[in-house]
Amino acid sequence: MTQETTDSETVTLDVTGMSCDGCAERISRVLDRLPGVAVVTADHHQGKIDVRLEPGQSTLVEVRGRIEQLGFGVTR
């Protein structure tokens, strides 16, 4: 699901391998360091993370890559 506004885009990603709150927090901390990225929510129970992307900064490809570098899977 993608919601677009004139200033930012919020994307919901399905993330596999998140088994606890610590996993969700770890992903959030890493993504928070990317320019123009704000993690809106990370829910390990549902295996979903909502990420707000500011235009012209980090891309969805970069976000997915960071999550995968941490050892988690991204199916969308």
N, C-alpha and C. Protein backbone atom coordinates (compact mmCIF):
# COMPACT_ATOMS: atom_id res chain seq x y z
N MET A 1 0.84 -1.16 0.00
CA MET A 1 0.00 0.00 0.00
C MET A 1 0.89 1.24 0.00
N THR A 2 0.63 2.19 -0.87
CA THR A 2 1.40 3.41 -0.94
C THR A 2 0.46 4.60 -0.85
N GLN A 3 0.82 5.54 0.02
CA GLN A 3 0.06 6.77 0.14
C GLN A 3 0.99 7.90 -0.26
N GLU A 4 0.56 8.73 -1.18
CA GLU A 4 1.42 9.81 -1.64
C GLU A 4 0.84 11.15 -1.23
N THR A 5 1.74 12.04 -0.85
CA THR A 5 1.39 13.43 -0.62
C THR A 5 2.33 14.26 -1.47
N THR A 6 2.15 15.55 -1.49
CA THR A 6 3.02 16.39 -2.30
C THR A 6 4.43 16.43 -1.73
N ASP A 7 4.60 16.18 -0.44
CA ASP A 7 5.91 16.29 0.18
C ASP A 7 6.59 14.97 0.44
N SER A 8 5.86 13.92 0.68
CA SER A 8 6.48 12.65 1.02
C SER A 8 5.61 11.50 0.55
N GLU A 9 6.20 10.30 0.64
CA GLU A 9 5.50 9.08 0.25
C GLU A 9 5.66 8.09 1.40
N THR A 10 4.57 7.47 1.81
CA THR A 10 4.64 6.43 2.84
C THR A 10 4.42 5.09 2.18
N VAL A 11 5.36 4.17 2.42
CA VAL A 11 5.34 2.85 1.82
C VAL A 11 5.27 1.81 2.93
N THR A 12 4.43 0.80 2.76
CA THR A 12 4.37 -0.32 3.69
C THR A 12 5.12 -1.49 3.09
N LEU A 13 6.12 -1.99 3.83
CA LEU A 13 6.92 -3.11 3.37
C LEU A 13 6.63 -4.33 4.23
N ASP A 14 6.54 -5.49 3.59
CA ASP A 14 6.43 -6.76 4.30
C ASP A 14 7.86 -7.25 4.55
N VAL A 15 8.19 -7.43 5.84
CA VAL A 15 9.55 -7.81 6.22
C VAL A 15 9.50 -9.17 6.91
N THR A 16 10.29 -10.10 6.40
CA THR A 16 10.35 -11.43 7.01
C THR A 16 11.53 -11.51 7.96
N GLY A 17 11.36 -12.32 9.00
CA GLY A 17 12.45 -12.53 9.95
C GLY A 17 12.41 -11.66 11.19
N MET A 18 11.46 -10.73 11.28
CA MET A 18 11.33 -9.93 12.49
C MET A 18 10.60 -10.78 13.53
N SER A 19 11.31 -11.20 14.57
CA SER A 19 10.70 -12.09 15.54
C SER A 19 10.43 -11.44 16.89
N CYS A 20 10.88 -10.19 17.08
CA CYS A 20 10.69 -9.54 18.37
C CYS A 20 10.73 -8.02 18.22
N ASP A 21 10.43 -7.33 19.31
CA ASP A 21 10.50 -5.87 19.30
C ASP A 21 11.91 -5.38 19.00
N GLY A 22 12.91 -6.13 19.45
CA GLY A 22 14.29 -5.76 19.19
C GLY A 22 14.61 -5.72 17.71
N CYS A 23 14.06 -6.67 16.95
CA CYS A 23 14.25 -6.68 15.50
C CYS A 23 13.66 -5.43 14.87
N ALA A 24 12.45 -5.10 15.27
CA ALA A 24 11.78 -3.92 14.73
C ALA A 24 12.55 -2.65 15.09
N GLU A 25 13.05 -2.58 16.31
CA GLU A 25 13.82 -1.41 16.74
C GLU A 25 15.13 -1.30 15.98
N ARG A 26 15.77 -2.44 15.74
CA ARG A 26 17.04 -2.44 15.01
C ARG A 26 16.84 -1.90 13.60
N ILE A 27 15.81 -2.37 12.91
CA ILE A 27 15.52 -1.88 11.56
C ILE A 27 15.21 -0.39 11.61
N SER A 28 14.41 0.03 12.57
CA SER A 28 14.05 1.45 12.69
C SER A 28 15.28 2.32 12.88
N ARG A 29 16.20 1.90 13.75
CA ARG A 29 17.41 2.69 14.02
C ARG A 29 18.24 2.85 12.75
N VAL A 30 18.40 1.77 12.00
CA VAL A 30 19.22 1.82 10.79
C VAL A 30 18.57 2.72 9.74
N LEU A 31 17.27 2.56 9.55
CA LEU A 31 16.59 3.37 8.53
C LEU A 31 16.52 4.84 8.91
N ASP A 32 16.43 5.12 10.21
CA ASP A 32 16.41 6.52 10.66
C ASP A 32 17.67 7.28 10.28
N ARG A 33 18.75 6.56 10.03
CA ARG A 33 20.02 7.20 9.65
C ARG A 33 20.09 7.58 8.19
N LEU A 34 19.19 7.03 7.38
CA LEU A 34 19.19 7.37 5.95
C LEU A 34 18.59 8.76 5.75
N PRO A 35 19.19 9.56 4.88
CA PRO A 35 18.65 10.90 4.63
C PRO A 35 17.24 10.84 4.05
N GLY A 36 16.35 11.63 4.62
CA GLY A 36 14.99 11.74 4.10
C GLY A 36 14.09 10.57 4.43
N VAL A 37 14.51 9.69 5.34
CA VAL A 37 13.71 8.53 5.71
C VAL A 37 13.23 8.69 7.15
N ALA A 38 11.93 8.48 7.34
CA ALA A 38 11.36 8.45 8.68
C ALA A 38 10.55 7.17 8.79
N VAL A 39 10.90 6.32 9.76
CA VAL A 39 10.15 5.11 9.97
C VAL A 39 8.91 5.49 10.76
N VAL A 40 7.77 5.23 10.19
CA VAL A 40 6.52 5.57 10.84
C VAL A 40 6.17 4.50 11.87
N THR A 41 6.16 3.23 11.47
CA THR A 41 5.90 2.13 12.40
C THR A 41 6.64 0.88 11.94
N ALA A 42 7.00 0.07 12.91
CA ALA A 42 7.57 -1.25 12.63
C ALA A 42 6.86 -2.22 13.56
N ASP A 43 6.21 -3.23 13.01
CA ASP A 43 5.42 -4.16 13.79
C ASP A 43 5.86 -5.59 13.49
N HIS A 44 6.58 -6.20 14.43
CA HIS A 44 7.08 -7.56 14.18
C HIS A 44 5.96 -8.59 14.20
N HIS A 45 4.86 -8.31 14.91
CA HIS A 45 3.73 -9.25 14.93
C HIS A 45 3.13 -9.42 13.54
N GLN A 46 2.99 -8.31 12.82
CA GLN A 46 2.42 -8.35 11.47
C GLN A 46 3.49 -8.49 10.39
N GLY A 47 4.76 -8.31 10.76
CA GLY A 47 5.83 -8.38 9.78
C GLY A 47 5.80 -7.24 8.79
N LYS A 48 5.42 -6.06 9.28
CA LYS A 48 5.29 -4.90 8.40
C LYS A 48 6.03 -3.71 8.98
N ILE A 49 6.50 -2.87 8.08
CA ILE A 49 7.13 -1.62 8.48
C ILE A 49 6.66 -0.53 7.52
N ASP A 50 6.22 0.57 8.09
CA ASP A 50 5.82 1.74 7.29
C ASP A 50 6.98 2.72 7.29
N VAL A 51 7.37 3.17 6.11
CA VAL A 51 8.50 4.07 5.96
C VAL A 51 8.04 5.30 5.19
N ARG A 52 8.33 6.47 5.72
CA ARG A 52 8.03 7.71 5.00
C ARG A 52 9.30 8.18 4.31
N LEU A 53 9.20 8.39 2.99
CA LEU A 53 10.33 8.83 2.18
C LEU A 53 10.10 10.26 1.71
N GLU A 54 11.07 11.10 1.95
CA GLU A 54 11.02 12.46 1.44
C GLU A 54 11.55 12.46 0.01
N PRO A 55 10.94 13.23 -0.88
CA PRO A 55 11.36 13.21 -2.29
C PRO A 55 12.80 13.69 -2.47
N GLY A 56 13.49 13.06 -3.42
CA GLY A 56 14.83 13.49 -3.78
C GLY A 56 15.92 13.06 -2.82
N GLN A 57 15.61 12.19 -1.88
CA GLN A 57 16.64 11.73 -0.95
C GLN A 57 16.80 10.23 -1.08
N SER A 58 16.83 9.48 -0.02
CA SER A 58 16.99 8.02 -0.11
C SER A 58 15.82 7.41 -0.87
N THR A 59 16.12 6.32 -1.59
CA THR A 59 15.10 5.66 -2.40
C THR A 59 14.61 4.38 -1.73
N LEU A 60 13.53 3.86 -2.25
CA LEU A 60 12.98 2.61 -1.75
C LEU A 60 13.98 1.47 -1.93
N VAL A 61 14.74 1.51 -3.02
CA VAL A 61 15.76 0.49 -3.27
C VAL A 61 16.81 0.52 -2.16
N GLU A 62 17.22 1.71 -1.74
CA GLU A 62 18.20 1.84 -0.65
C GLU A 62 17.62 1.34 0.67
N VAL A 63 16.36 1.64 0.93
CA VAL A 63 15.71 1.18 2.15
C VAL A 63 15.67 -0.34 2.18
N ARG A 64 15.23 -0.94 1.09
CA ARG A 64 15.17 -2.41 1.00
C ARG A 64 16.56 -3.01 1.20
N GLY A 65 17.56 -2.41 0.59
CA GLY A 65 18.93 -2.90 0.71
C GLY A 65 19.43 -2.88 2.14
N ARG A 66 19.13 -1.82 2.87
CA ARG A 66 19.55 -1.73 4.26
C ARG A 66 18.89 -2.81 5.11
N ILE A 67 17.60 -3.03 4.89
CA ILE A 67 16.88 -4.05 5.64
C ILE A 67 17.48 -5.42 5.35
N GLU A 68 17.77 -5.69 4.09
CA GLU A 68 18.34 -6.98 3.70
C GLU A 68 19.76 -7.15 4.24
N GLN A 69 20.54 -6.07 4.32
CA GLN A 69 21.89 -6.14 4.90
C GLN A 69 21.84 -6.55 6.37
N LEU A 70 20.76 -6.25 7.04
CA LEU A 70 20.58 -6.63 8.44
C LEU A 70 20.18 -8.10 8.59
N GLY A 71 19.91 -8.77 7.47
CA GLY A 71 19.56 -10.18 7.51
C GLY A 71 18.06 -10.48 7.45
N PHE A 72 17.27 -9.47 7.16
CA PHE A 72 15.82 -9.65 7.05
C PHE A 72 15.44 -9.69 5.57
N GLY A 73 14.30 -10.26 5.27
CA GLY A 73 13.81 -10.30 3.90
C GLY A 73 12.76 -9.24 3.68
N VAL A 74 12.67 -8.74 2.47
CA VAL A 74 11.64 -7.76 2.12
C VAL A 74 10.88 -8.31 0.92
N THR A 75 9.59 -8.57 1.13
CA THR A 75 8.79 -9.12 0.04
C THR A 75 8.01 -8.06 -0.68
N ARG A 76 7.85 -6.92 -0.12
CA ARG A 76 7.26 -5.72 -0.76
C ARG A 76 7.61 -4.55 0.07
